[in-house]
Amino acid sequence: MMTSSYSNSPCAACKFLRRKCNQDCIFAPYFPPEEPKKFANVHKVFGASNVSKLLNEVLPHQREDTVNSLAYEAEARIKDPVYGCVGFISGLQRQLLGLQKELDATNADLIQFTIQGSSSLGLGHVDYSNGFYNYPSNFEQ
């Protein structure tokens, strides 16, 4: 979260790099002293110089999102050096595919049970073509 005022405590980046933190420090608003691990991860994966260049190229209103993306990717790269967050996304996609197949199978079972139940109750044919169960009506209008 971006801090609105400058404090006397050096930001996590300057503390990590062992340098004086000036009021115009590009890192200070995005790497508060309470989050040293955030900068350490970003520095380990991307390097302080590259992050500084990137933040100077990005529009000021986009910097917080940029830092959050870098921090997320850096943490993912540390956990999975080969795939990073792409590995996590792929895992979620596989999980989603498996759940979709399970849902389709459950819906097919439900349709089958409904058809079997309606025929044993003498309800006749049950139409499920439009996604709704349409039972034949015994009422004349």
C-alpha atoms as a PDB file:
ATOM      1  CA  MET A   1       0.000   0.000   0.000  1.00  0.00           C
ATOM      2  CA  MET A   2       1.344   3.427  -0.891  1.00  0.00           C
ATOM      3  CA  THR A   3       2.161   5.685   2.049  1.00  0.00           C
ATOM      4  CA  SER A   4       1.080   9.289   1.764  1.00  0.00           C
ATOM      5  CA  SER A   5       3.774  10.936   3.869  1.00  0.00           C
ATOM      6  CA  TYR A   6       7.522  10.572   4.035  1.00  0.00           C
ATOM      7  CA  SER A   7       8.910   9.312   7.343  1.00  0.00           C
ATOM      8  CA  ASN A   8      12.421   9.507   8.779  1.00  0.00           C
ATOM      9  CA  SER A   9      12.794   5.740   8.663  1.00  0.00           C
ATOM     10  CA  PRO A  10      14.482   4.539   5.468  1.00  0.00           C
ATOM     11  CA  CYS A  11      12.361   2.516   3.068  1.00  0.00           C
ATOM     12  CA  ALA A  12      12.928  -1.235   2.796  1.00  0.00           C
ATOM     13  CA  ALA A  13      14.873  -0.767  -0.447  1.00  0.00           C
ATOM     14  CA  CYS A  14      17.336   1.776   0.932  1.00  0.00           C
ATOM     15  CA  LYS A  15      17.722  -0.212   4.121  1.00  0.00           C
ATOM     16  CA  PHE A  16      18.450  -3.369   2.106  1.00  0.00           C
ATOM     17  CA  LEU A  17      20.865  -1.554  -0.214  1.00  0.00           C
ATOM     18  CA  ARG A  18      22.447   0.244   2.782  1.00  0.00           C
ATOM     19  CA  ARG A  19      22.064   3.703   1.372  1.00  0.00           C
ATOM     20  CA  LYS A  20      20.536   6.973   2.534  1.00  0.00           C
ATOM     21  CA  CYS A  21      16.857   7.265   1.773  1.00  0.00           C
ATOM     22  CA  ASN A  22      16.058  10.691   0.326  1.00  0.00           C
ATOM     23  CA  GLN A  23      12.684  12.326   0.166  1.00  0.00           C
ATOM     24  CA  ASP A  24      12.608  11.766  -3.612  1.00  0.00           C
ATOM     25  CA  CYS A  25      13.430   8.039  -3.339  1.00  0.00           C
ATOM     26  CA  ILE A  26      11.559   6.169  -6.083  1.00  0.00           C
ATOM     27  CA  PHE A  27      11.222   3.083  -3.859  1.00  0.00           C
ATOM     28  CA  ALA A  28       9.949   4.734  -0.646  1.00  0.00           C
ATOM     29  CA  PRO A  29       6.220   4.904  -1.460  1.00  0.00           C
ATOM     30  CA  TYR A  30       6.080   1.262  -2.565  1.00  0.00           C
ATOM     31  CA  PHE A  31       8.536  -0.526  -0.266  1.00  0.00           C
ATOM     32  CA  PRO A  32       7.773   0.650   3.287  1.00  0.00           C
ATOM     33  CA  PRO A  33      10.195  -0.257   6.081  1.00  0.00           C
ATOM     34  CA  GLU A  34       7.657  -2.741   7.496  1.00  0.00           C
ATOM     35  CA  GLU A  35       7.927  -4.934   4.368  1.00  0.00           C
ATOM     36  CA  PRO A  36      11.631  -5.754   3.929  1.00  0.00           C
ATOM     37  CA  LYS A  37      10.948  -9.203   2.428  1.00  0.00           C
ATOM     38  CA  LYS A  38       8.927  -7.627  -0.407  1.00  0.00           C
ATOM     39  CA  PHE A  39      11.904  -5.625  -1.643  1.00  0.00           C
ATOM     40  CA  ALA A  40      14.384  -8.433  -0.976  1.00  0.00           C
ATOM     41  CA  ASN A  41      12.382 -10.763  -3.241  1.00  0.00           C
ATOM     42  CA  VAL A  42      11.987  -8.155  -5.991  1.00  0.00           C
ATOM     43  CA  HIS A  43      15.689  -7.293  -5.817  1.00  0.00           C
ATOM     44  CA  LYS A  44      16.713 -10.953  -5.914  1.00  0.00           C
ATOM     45  CA  VAL A  45      14.673 -11.654  -9.057  1.00  0.00           C
ATOM     46  CA  PHE A  46      14.779  -8.364 -10.979  1.00  0.00           C
ATOM     47  CA  GLY A  47      17.580  -6.282  -9.455  1.00  0.00           C
ATOM     48  CA  ALA A  48      17.241  -2.849  -7.866  1.00  0.00           C
ATOM     49  CA  SER A  49      18.599  -1.018 -10.911  1.00  0.00           C
ATOM     50  CA  ASN A  50      16.078  -2.630 -13.271  1.00  0.00           C
ATOM     51  CA  VAL A  51      13.192  -1.940 -10.879  1.00  0.00           C
ATOM     52  CA  SER A  52      14.289   1.686 -10.529  1.00  0.00           C
ATOM     53  CA  LYS A  53      14.427   2.101 -14.319  1.00  0.00           C
ATOM     54  CA  LEU A  54      11.037   0.440 -14.716  1.00  0.00           C
ATOM     55  CA  LEU A  55       9.394   2.649 -12.080  1.00  0.00           C
ATOM     56  CA  ASN A  56      10.813   5.772 -13.719  1.00  0.00           C
ATOM     57  CA  GLU A  57       9.377   4.711 -17.100  1.00  0.00           C
ATOM     58  CA  VAL A  58       5.905   3.902 -15.763  1.00  0.00           C
ATOM     59  CA  LEU A  59       3.328   6.649 -15.234  1.00  0.00           C
ATOM     60  CA  PRO A  60       3.041   7.620 -11.548  1.00  0.00           C
ATOM     61  CA  HIS A  61      -0.541   6.359 -11.201  1.00  0.00           C
ATOM     62  CA  GLN A  62       0.562   2.918 -12.478  1.00  0.00           C
ATOM     63  CA  ARG A  63       3.570   2.476 -10.203  1.00  0.00           C
ATOM     64  CA  GLU A  64       1.779   0.849  -7.280  1.00  0.00           C
ATOM     65  CA  ASP A  65       0.234  -1.788  -9.550  1.00  0.00           C
ATOM     66  CA  THR A  66       3.619  -2.297 -11.200  1.00  0.00           C
ATOM     67  CA  VAL A  67       5.320  -2.894  -7.852  1.00  0.00           C
ATOM     68  CA  ASN A  68       2.547  -5.259  -6.740  1.00  0.00           C
ATOM     69  CA  SER A  69       2.934  -7.242  -9.978  1.00  0.00           C
ATOM     70  CA  LEU A  70       6.708  -7.380  -9.596  1.00  0.00           C
ATOM     71  CA  ALA A  71       6.388  -8.484  -5.966  1.00  0.00           C
ATOM     72  CA  TYR A  72       3.882 -11.203  -6.900  1.00  0.00           C
ATOM     73  CA  GLU A  73       6.037 -12.491  -9.754  1.00  0.00           C
ATOM     74  CA  ALA A  74       9.191 -12.345  -7.615  1.00  0.00           C
ATOM     75  CA  GLU A  75       7.565 -14.396  -4.857  1.00  0.00           C
ATOM     76  CA  ALA A  76       6.299 -16.906  -7.416  1.00  0.00           C
ATOM     77  CA  ARG A  77       9.765 -17.119  -9.037  1.00  0.00           C
ATOM     78  CA  ILE A  78      11.365 -17.807  -5.666  1.00  0.00           C
ATOM     79  CA  LYS A  79       8.844 -20.607  -4.999  1.00  0.00           C
ATOM     80  CA  ASP A  80       9.080 -21.983  -8.549  1.00  0.00           C
ATOM     81  CA  PRO A  81      12.228 -20.719 -10.329  1.00  0.00           C
ATOM     82  CA  VAL A  82      11.338 -22.326 -13.667  1.00  0.00           C
ATOM     83  CA  TYR A  83       7.696 -21.362 -14.212  1.00  0.00           C
ATOM     84  CA  GLY A  84       6.995 -18.611 -11.662  1.00  0.00           C
ATOM     85  CA  CYS A  85       3.386 -17.476 -11.620  1.00  0.00           C
ATOM     86  CA  VAL A  86       2.738 -19.218 -14.956  1.00  0.00           C
ATOM     87  CA  GLY A  87       3.098 -22.540 -13.134  1.00  0.00           C
ATOM     88  CA  PHE A  88       0.520 -21.411 -10.593  1.00  0.00           C
ATOM     89  CA  ILE A  89      -1.858 -20.267 -13.348  1.00  0.00           C
ATOM     90  CA  SER A  90      -1.431 -23.595 -15.189  1.00  0.00           C
ATOM     91  CA  GLY A  91      -2.224 -25.476 -11.986  1.00  0.00           C
ATOM     92  CA  LEU A  92      -5.388 -23.425 -11.510  1.00  0.00           C
ATOM     93  CA  GLN A  93      -6.414 -24.058 -15.130  1.00  0.00           C
ATOM     94  CA  ARG A  94      -5.940 -27.827 -14.668  1.00  0.00           C
ATOM     95  CA  GLN A  95      -7.962 -27.676 -11.452  1.00  0.00           C
ATOM     96  CA  LEU A  96     -10.715 -25.708 -13.225  1.00  0.00           C
ATOM     97  CA  LEU A  97     -10.806 -28.225 -16.069  1.00  0.00           C
ATOM     98  CA  GLY A  98     -11.105 -31.120 -13.610  1.00  0.00           C
ATOM     99  CA  LEU A  99     -13.897 -29.377 -11.713  1.00  0.00           C
ATOM    100  CA  GLN A 100     -15.723 -28.609 -14.974  1.00  0.00           C
ATOM    101  CA  LYS A 101     -15.577 -32.302 -15.941  1.00  0.00           C
ATOM    102  CA  GLU A 102     -16.835 -33.267 -12.486  1.00  0.00           C
ATOM    103  CA  LEU A 103     -19.691 -30.757 -12.758  1.00  0.00           C
ATOM    104  CA  ASP A 104     -20.632 -32.054 -16.225  1.00  0.00           C
ATOM    105  CA  ALA A 105     -20.666 -35.652 -14.931  1.00  0.00           C
ATOM    106  CA  THR A 106     -22.789 -34.656 -11.930  1.00  0.00           C
ATOM    107  CA  ASN A 107     -25.246 -32.793 -14.171  1.00  0.00           C
ATOM    108  CA  ALA A 108     -25.484 -35.832 -16.466  1.00  0.00           C
ATOM    109  CA  ASP A 109     -26.185 -38.045 -13.439  1.00  0.00           C
ATOM    110  CA  LEU A 110     -28.810 -35.594 -12.210  1.00  0.00           C
ATOM    111  CA  ILE A 111     -30.537 -35.580 -15.596  1.00  0.00           C
ATOM    112  CA  GLN A 112     -30.467 -39.383 -15.689  1.00  0.00           C
ATOM    113  CA  PHE A 113     -31.944 -39.655 -12.184  1.00  0.00           C
ATOM    114  CA  THR A 114     -34.602 -37.075 -13.034  1.00  0.00           C
ATOM    115  CA  ILE A 115     -35.596 -38.936 -16.198  1.00  0.00           C
ATOM    116  CA  GLN A 116     -35.703 -42.264 -14.344  1.00  0.00           C
ATOM    117  CA  GLY A 117     -37.680 -40.683 -11.493  1.00  0.00           C
ATOM    118  CA  SER A 118     -40.210 -39.050 -13.813  1.00  0.00           C
ATOM    119  CA  SER A 119     -40.844 -42.268 -15.732  1.00  0.00           C
ATOM    120  CA  SER A 120     -41.333 -44.265 -12.522  1.00  0.00           C
ATOM    121  CA  LEU A 121     -43.797 -41.617 -11.321  1.00  0.00           C
ATOM    122  CA  GLY A 122     -45.696 -41.701 -14.607  1.00  0.00           C
ATOM    123  CA  LEU A 123     -44.787 -38.196 -15.630  1.00  0.00           C
ATOM    124  CA  GLY A 124     -43.821 -39.191 -19.159  1.00  0.00           C
ATOM    125  CA  HIS A 125     -41.035 -37.531 -21.111  1.00  0.00           C
ATOM    126  CA  VAL A 126     -39.001 -34.802 -19.394  1.00  0.00           C
ATOM    127  CA  ASP A 127     -37.462 -32.219 -21.708  1.00  0.00           C
ATOM    128  CA  TYR A 128     -34.095 -30.730 -20.663  1.00  0.00           C
ATOM    129  CA  SER A 129     -33.100 -29.244 -24.037  1.00  0.00           C
ATOM    130  CA  ASN A 130     -33.193 -25.595 -22.940  1.00  0.00           C
ATOM    131  CA  GLY A 131     -31.388 -26.131 -19.625  1.00  0.00           C
ATOM    132  CA  PHE A 132     -34.608 -26.374 -17.591  1.00  0.00           C
ATOM    133  CA  TYR A 133     -36.659 -29.373 -16.615  1.00  0.00           C
ATOM    134  CA  ASN A 134     -39.952 -29.182 -18.520  1.00  0.00           C
ATOM    135  CA  TYR A 135     -42.428 -31.711 -17.252  1.00  0.00           C
ATOM    136  CA  PRO A 136     -45.580 -32.390 -19.265  1.00  0.00           C
ATOM    137  CA  SER A 137     -48.578 -30.747 -17.695  1.00  0.00           C
ATOM    138  CA  ASN A 138     -51.770 -32.608 -16.829  1.00  0.00           C
ATOM    139  CA  PHE A 139     -53.684 -29.346 -16.703  1.00  0.00           C
ATOM    140  CA  GLU A 140     -55.785 -28.260 -19.661  1.00  0.00           C
ATOM    141  CA  GLN A 141     -55.915 -24.557 -20.334  1.00  0.00           C
END
